[in-house]
Amino acid sequence: MAVSSPGPAVATSASSAGSAGSAGSASSAGSAGSAGSASSVGSASSVGSAGSASSAGAAVPASCADSGGCADAGGAVLRLLPAVDVANGLAVTHRTSAGGDAGVGISALDACLRWVEAGADWIHLVDLDAAFGRGSNAALLAQVIADLARLHPGVSVQWSGGVNSADDVERALAAGAKRVNLGAGALKDLAATTALVGRFGRHLNVCLDVSAASAAPSGDLAAYVVHPRGQGGPVGSLEPILAALNEAGTGAYVVTDRVRDGALSGPNLPLLGALSGATSAQVIASGGVSCAGDIAALQDLAAHHLNLCGVILGKALYTGQIDLKALLRP
């Protein structure tokens, strides 16, 4: 499958950081929209290879177009995926690193449309209750996907939260999700996880929630363990788990440094660079992004690692620290 050309490439710089009150309000839902404008930022300059022995010469995966158009032949493109977290049937404006919900709940569809109307063509839709083992919003997420498909056919959804089995993946895909995030908790059974990778291929992202003994950012993958959020203790060291998943042909990873998730403390660039260099799979950054400057830093990193192709944006969007519409402005 050929990689589709992304939409307008936007220069990312700290000066483009959003102001409070960005991206509209929930009341703006339902207007004929800007769906289909690509939610990506990047430079038009050519970009080198991933830059490590383990990934040298690795081509940009052909499934990029289906996973959010992470790259094209013209240069590095970083896909922006606004998160809509759903708890108790409503979208919450942000969440804490411990999974606690904060802010006033609004309609999940309205929350999605808010970002679509700001220019997003992908939504990261999360069932928080399922992720933390306290219930399910699966029927609501399915309805939101159906409504989005009707109102904005060009918008794709990445389903996340509480996905740990083949049945979970099939349910999300049947609902119309384009990609499904397999929770890090599934890595407790690595053999079963690699079987799911083989079965679902490019439709499946594997979540790597990681923590380290030190809070300081580190590019040493040996310093990290995979530690699913909300599901007990670590399941194992990152390096052997990553090696097994690479061997199984995993197409994409969603990488979250647990201590940064919801903390607005910036992404763990050394970790993301090291992990991107240790795989030919796509890498989507999650957690810590606080401003347009953080996105610019990720874009610079993506210039050396073509497979670093996306970033999930959460709390900073809802607090107004990132103005999505300004970032995506042609």
Protein backbone atom coordinates (compact mmCIF):
# COMPACT_ATOMS: atom_id res chain seq x y z
CA MET A 1 0.00 0.00 0.00
CA ALA A 2 1.42 3.34 -1.00
CA VAL A 3 1.92 5.93 1.68
CA SER A 4 -0.47 8.78 1.19
CA SER A 5 0.80 12.30 1.15
CA PRO A 6 0.03 14.09 4.39
CA GLY A 7 -1.70 17.43 4.54
CA PRO A 8 -0.08 20.80 5.07
CA ALA A 9 3.31 20.62 6.70
CA VAL A 10 3.51 23.14 9.48
CA ALA A 11 6.68 24.51 11.01
CA THR A 12 6.75 23.67 14.69
CA SER A 13 8.29 26.15 17.05
CA ALA A 14 7.81 27.24 20.60
CA SER A 15 6.43 30.53 19.36
CA SER A 16 3.37 28.75 18.04
CA ALA A 17 2.31 27.56 21.47
CA GLY A 18 -1.40 27.85 22.01
CA SER A 19 -3.13 30.34 24.22
CA ALA A 20 -5.87 29.61 26.67
CA GLY A 21 -9.19 29.15 24.97
CA SER A 22 -7.77 27.41 21.96
CA ALA A 23 -9.46 24.83 19.77
CA GLY A 24 -13.00 25.98 20.30
CA SER A 25 -15.50 24.67 22.82
CA ALA A 26 -17.76 21.70 23.11
CA SER A 27 -20.63 23.83 21.91
CA SER A 28 -19.01 24.05 18.50
CA ALA A 29 -19.72 20.39 17.82
CA GLY A 30 -21.61 19.48 14.72
CA SER A 31 -20.60 22.21 12.34
CA ALA A 32 -19.61 21.19 8.87
CA GLY A 33 -16.06 20.75 9.35
CA SER A 34 -12.54 20.69 8.45
CA ALA A 35 -12.36 16.93 8.51
CA GLY A 36 -9.84 15.61 6.09
CA SER A 37 -7.17 18.21 6.72
CA ALA A 38 -4.22 16.19 7.85
CA SER A 39 -3.28 16.58 11.47
CA SER A 40 0.45 16.49 10.95
CA VAL A 41 3.39 18.76 11.39
CA GLY A 42 6.70 18.45 9.67
CA SER A 43 9.40 19.88 7.52
CA ALA A 44 9.68 19.56 3.79
CA SER A 45 13.36 18.77 3.95
CA SER A 46 14.61 15.29 3.30
CA VAL A 47 15.30 13.15 6.31
CA GLY A 48 17.99 10.58 6.95
CA SER A 49 17.60 7.02 8.07
CA ALA A 50 16.74 6.01 11.58
CA GLY A 51 20.37 6.11 12.46
CA SER A 52 21.13 3.00 14.42
CA ALA A 53 22.61 -0.35 13.54
CA SER A 54 19.44 -2.16 14.44
CA SER A 55 17.26 -0.06 12.16
CA ALA A 56 19.70 1.13 9.52
CA GLY A 57 18.23 0.98 6.07
CA ALA A 58 14.76 0.20 7.38
CA ALA A 59 12.14 1.60 5.07
CA VAL A 60 9.26 3.65 6.40
CA PRO A 61 6.50 1.06 6.86
CA ALA A 62 3.96 1.00 4.06
CA SER A 63 1.18 0.99 6.64
CA CYS A 64 1.96 4.56 7.68
CA ALA A 65 -1.01 5.82 5.70
CA ASP A 66 -3.31 3.57 7.69
CA SER A 67 -1.77 4.35 11.05
CA GLY A 68 -2.00 8.09 10.76
CA GLY A 69 0.16 8.95 7.76
CA CYS A 70 3.28 9.11 9.84
CA ALA A 71 5.70 9.77 7.03
CA ASP A 72 5.92 10.46 3.34
CA ALA A 73 8.61 10.63 0.72
CA GLY A 74 9.05 14.36 1.18
CA GLY A 75 10.35 14.39 4.72
CA ALA A 76 9.58 13.78 8.36
CA VAL A 77 5.98 14.25 9.36
CA LEU A 78 4.78 13.98 12.93
CA ARG A 79 1.14 13.07 13.25
CA LEU A 80 -0.77 14.80 16.06
CA LEU A 81 -3.41 12.62 17.72
CA PRO A 82 -5.67 14.50 20.14
CA ALA A 83 -6.85 12.26 22.96
CA VAL A 84 -10.45 11.97 24.09
CA ASP A 85 -10.58 10.09 27.40
CA VAL A 86 -13.96 8.66 28.36
CA ALA A 87 -15.00 7.82 31.93
CA ASN A 88 -18.51 7.20 33.26
CA GLY A 89 -19.94 7.88 29.82
CA LEU A 90 -18.38 11.32 29.42
CA ALA A 91 -15.15 12.74 28.06
CA VAL A 92 -12.99 14.12 30.85
CA THR A 93 -10.84 17.12 30.13
CA HIS A 94 -7.70 15.51 31.51
CA ARG A 95 -6.51 12.75 33.78
CA THR A 96 -3.86 12.29 36.40
CA SER A 97 -0.91 9.92 36.10
CA ALA A 98 -2.67 7.60 38.55
CA GLY A 99 -5.71 7.39 36.31
CA GLY A 100 -7.87 9.80 38.29
CA ASP A 101 -10.26 11.88 36.23
CA ALA A 102 -10.18 15.64 36.40
CA GLY A 103 -12.12 18.46 34.85
CA VAL A 104 -15.75 18.72 33.79
CA GLY A 105 -17.15 15.87 31.72
CA ILE A 106 -18.57 16.67 28.29
CA SER A 107 -20.10 14.60 25.52
CA ALA A 108 -17.50 12.27 24.03
CA LEU A 109 -18.72 13.08 20.52
CA ASP A 110 -18.54 16.82 21.21
CA ALA A 111 -14.98 16.40 22.47
CA CYS A 112 -14.00 14.56 19.29
CA LEU A 113 -15.68 17.12 17.05
CA ARG A 114 -13.86 19.91 18.86
CA TRP A 115 -10.53 18.55 17.64
CA VAL A 116 -11.82 17.55 14.22
CA GLU A 117 -12.97 21.11 13.67
CA ALA A 118 -9.51 22.29 14.71
CA GLY A 119 -8.05 20.20 11.88
CA ALA A 120 -7.44 16.73 13.34
CA ASP A 121 -7.99 13.77 11.04
CA TRP A 122 -7.20 11.17 13.72
CA ILE A 123 -8.69 10.83 17.21
CA HIS A 124 -7.11 8.81 20.02
CA LEU A 125 -10.25 7.54 21.77
CA VAL A 126 -9.68 6.03 25.22
CA ASP A 127 -11.97 3.99 27.46
CA LEU A 128 -10.50 5.02 30.81
CA ASP A 129 -12.83 2.82 32.82
CA ALA A 130 -11.76 -0.27 30.89
CA ALA A 131 -8.10 0.76 31.13
CA PHE A 132 -8.25 0.88 34.92
CA GLY A 133 -10.54 -2.11 35.40
CA ARG A 134 -13.58 -0.24 36.66
CA GLY A 135 -16.12 -0.76 33.86
CA SER A 136 -16.58 -0.30 30.15
CA ASN A 137 -17.65 2.41 27.73
CA ALA A 138 -17.29 0.17 24.67
CA ALA A 139 -20.85 0.74 23.42
CA LEU A 140 -20.41 4.50 23.70
CA LEU A 141 -17.07 4.44 21.89
CA ALA A 142 -18.65 2.41 19.09
CA GLN A 143 -21.45 4.97 18.78
CA VAL A 144 -18.96 7.84 18.72
CA ILE A 145 -17.05 6.15 15.90
CA ALA A 146 -20.27 5.63 13.95
CA ASP A 147 -21.27 9.27 14.43
CA LEU A 148 -17.85 10.50 13.37
CA ALA A 149 -17.99 8.33 10.25
CA ARG A 150 -21.34 9.89 9.38
CA LEU A 151 -20.36 13.50 10.10
CA HIS A 152 -16.72 13.41 8.99
CA PRO A 153 -15.91 10.36 6.86
CA GLY A 154 -12.26 11.38 6.53
CA VAL A 155 -11.56 11.06 10.25
CA SER A 156 -10.00 7.87 11.65
CA VAL A 157 -10.06 6.60 15.22
CA GLN A 158 -7.41 4.85 17.27
CA TRP A 159 -9.16 2.86 20.04
CA SER A 160 -7.37 2.47 23.36
CA GLY A 161 -8.09 1.34 26.90
CA GLY A 162 -8.70 -2.12 28.31
CA VAL A 163 -7.70 -3.98 25.14
CA ASN A 164 -6.03 -7.20 26.25
CA SER A 165 -7.38 -10.02 24.08
CA ALA A 166 -8.32 -10.99 20.53
CA ASP A 167 -11.99 -10.44 21.40
CA ASP A 168 -11.23 -6.90 22.54
CA VAL A 169 -9.36 -6.13 19.32
CA GLU A 170 -12.08 -7.63 17.14
CA ARG A 171 -14.78 -5.64 18.93
CA ALA A 172 -12.93 -2.37 18.39
CA LEU A 173 -12.24 -3.10 14.72
CA ALA A 174 -15.85 -4.17 14.16
CA ALA A 175 -16.94 -0.82 15.62
CA GLY A 176 -14.95 0.96 12.92
CA ALA A 177 -11.67 1.78 14.65
CA LYS A 178 -8.81 2.02 12.17
CA ARG A 179 -6.17 1.08 14.71
CA VAL A 180 -6.38 -0.55 18.13
CA ASN A 181 -3.92 -0.17 20.99
CA LEU A 182 -3.15 -3.41 22.79
CA GLY A 183 -2.69 -2.60 26.47
CA ALA A 184 0.69 -3.14 28.08
CA GLY A 185 -0.98 -5.52 30.52
CA ALA A 186 -1.27 -8.04 27.70
CA LEU A 187 2.52 -8.34 27.74
CA LYS A 188 2.22 -10.51 30.83
CA ASP A 189 1.71 -13.29 28.27
CA LEU A 190 4.28 -12.44 25.62
CA ALA A 191 3.51 -15.51 23.50
CA ALA A 192 -0.16 -14.58 23.32
CA THR A 193 0.76 -11.00 22.44
CA THR A 194 3.02 -12.02 19.57
CA ALA A 195 0.21 -14.24 18.29
CA LEU A 196 -2.10 -11.21 18.26
CA VAL A 197 0.54 -9.24 16.36
CA GLY A 198 0.61 -11.96 13.73
CA ARG A 199 -3.16 -12.10 13.54
CA PHE A 200 -4.04 -8.41 13.36
CA GLY A 201 -0.94 -6.98 11.70
CA ARG A 202 -1.02 -3.29 10.85
CA HIS A 203 -4.33 -2.77 12.67
CA LEU A 204 -2.63 -3.33 16.04
CA ASN A 205 -0.39 -1.02 18.07
CA VAL A 206 1.35 -2.43 21.13
CA CYS A 207 1.48 -0.13 24.16
CA LEU A 208 4.77 0.07 26.02
CA ASP A 209 4.13 1.77 29.37
CA VAL A 210 7.56 2.03 30.95
CA SER A 211 9.22 3.20 34.13
CA ALA A 212 12.81 3.44 35.28
CA ALA A 213 14.60 3.37 38.61
CA SER A 214 15.62 6.99 38.05
CA ALA A 215 13.27 9.79 37.09
CA ALA A 216 16.00 11.35 34.95
CA PRO A 217 15.51 10.79 31.20
CA SER A 218 17.72 8.00 29.93
CA GLY A 219 18.52 6.59 26.51
CA ASP A 220 19.61 3.28 28.03
CA LEU A 221 16.77 0.87 27.31
CA ALA A 222 18.20 -1.50 29.91
CA ALA A 223 17.16 1.02 32.57
CA TYR A 224 13.44 0.52 31.86
CA VAL A 225 10.79 -2.02 32.74
CA VAL A 226 7.38 -2.41 31.16
CA HIS A 227 4.93 -1.35 33.86
CA PRO A 228 1.26 -1.23 32.78
CA ARG A 229 -0.72 1.66 34.20
CA GLY A 230 -3.46 0.67 36.61
CA GLN A 231 -2.66 -3.04 36.47
CA GLY A 232 -0.21 -3.88 39.23
CA GLY A 233 3.54 -4.12 39.00
CA PRO A 234 6.05 -4.44 36.15
CA VAL A 235 5.71 -7.33 33.71
CA GLY A 236 9.36 -7.49 32.67
CA SER A 237 12.41 -5.67 31.38
CA LEU A 238 11.87 -3.54 28.30
CA GLU A 239 14.76 -4.83 26.17
CA PRO A 240 13.81 -8.53 25.91
CA ILE A 241 10.13 -7.67 25.50
CA LEU A 242 10.95 -5.24 22.69
CA ALA A 243 13.21 -7.82 21.03
CA ALA A 244 10.44 -10.44 21.06
CA LEU A 245 7.87 -8.00 19.70
CA ASN A 246 10.25 -6.87 16.96
CA GLU A 247 10.87 -10.47 15.95
CA ALA A 248 7.11 -11.05 15.78
CA GLY A 249 6.79 -8.17 13.32
CA THR A 250 5.02 -5.60 15.49
CA GLY A 251 4.05 -2.68 13.28
CA ALA A 252 3.75 0.11 15.82
CA TYR A 253 4.41 0.95 19.46
CA VAL A 254 2.76 3.56 21.66
CA VAL A 255 5.44 4.54 24.16
CA THR A 256 4.55 6.14 27.48
CA ASP A 257 6.92 7.10 30.27
CA ARG A 258 4.62 6.60 33.25
CA VAL A 259 6.07 9.40 35.37
CA ARG A 260 5.41 11.93 32.60
CA ASP A 261 1.89 10.93 31.65
CA GLY A 262 -0.43 13.77 32.65
CA ALA A 263 2.43 15.67 34.29
CA LEU A 264 3.12 18.22 31.51
CA SER A 265 6.83 17.70 32.14
CA GLY A 266 7.90 17.20 28.52
CA PRO A 267 8.45 13.99 26.57
CA ASN A 268 11.30 11.63 27.43
CA LEU A 269 13.36 12.34 24.32
CA PRO A 270 16.31 10.04 25.15
CA LEU A 271 13.95 7.11 25.64
CA LEU A 272 12.03 7.82 22.44
CA GLY A 273 15.21 8.21 20.44
CA ALA A 274 16.75 5.00 21.77
CA LEU A 275 13.60 2.97 21.27
CA SER A 276 13.03 4.33 17.76
CA GLY A 277 16.60 3.34 16.95
CA ALA A 278 16.05 -0.19 18.24
CA THR A 279 13.12 -1.03 15.97
CA SER A 280 11.92 -0.55 12.42
CA ALA A 281 8.33 -0.34 13.66
CA GLN A 282 6.49 2.94 13.94
CA VAL A 283 6.78 4.73 17.28
CA ILE A 284 4.07 6.99 18.68
CA ALA A 285 5.04 9.16 21.65
CA SER A 286 2.62 9.54 24.53
CA GLY A 287 2.79 11.48 27.76
CA GLY A 288 4.39 14.68 28.98
CA VAL A 289 3.83 17.00 26.02
CA SER A 290 3.11 20.46 27.41
CA CYS A 291 3.62 23.00 24.62
CA ALA A 292 4.41 23.51 20.96
CA GLY A 293 8.10 23.55 21.87
CA ASP A 294 7.81 19.92 23.00
CA ILE A 295 6.27 19.04 19.64
CA ALA A 296 9.10 20.86 17.88
CA ALA A 297 11.62 18.83 19.90
CA LEU A 298 9.88 15.62 18.87
CA GLN A 299 9.89 16.78 15.26
CA ASP A 300 13.65 17.35 15.46
CA LEU A 301 14.05 13.84 16.85
CA ALA A 302 11.89 12.46 14.04
CA ALA A 303 14.31 13.98 11.55
CA HIS A 304 16.80 11.34 12.69
CA HIS A 305 14.28 8.55 13.26
CA LEU A 306 11.75 8.34 10.46
CA ASN A 307 9.77 5.74 12.36
CA LEU A 308 9.03 8.22 15.17
CA CYS A 309 5.85 9.24 13.47
CA GLY A 310 3.22 10.46 15.89
CA VAL A 311 2.44 12.02 19.24
CA ILE A 312 -0.66 11.74 21.40
CA LEU A 313 -1.78 15.06 22.86
CA GLY A 314 -3.88 15.16 26.01
CA LYS A 315 -3.88 17.44 29.01
CA ALA A 316 -2.06 20.33 27.30
CA LEU A 317 -4.87 20.61 24.75
CA TYR A 318 -7.53 20.91 27.41
CA THR A 319 -5.59 23.39 29.53
CA GLY A 320 -4.98 25.60 26.48
CA GLN A 321 -1.19 25.18 26.55
CA ILE A 322 -1.34 23.79 23.01
CA ASP A 323 -3.50 25.36 20.32
CA LEU A 324 -4.12 22.51 17.87
CA LYS A 325 -5.68 24.72 15.23
CA ALA A 326 -2.67 27.04 15.26
CA LEU A 327 -0.27 24.13 14.91
CA LEU A 328 -2.15 22.71 11.94
CA ARG A 329 -2.71 26.03 10.21
CA PRO A 330 -1.33 25.86 6.62
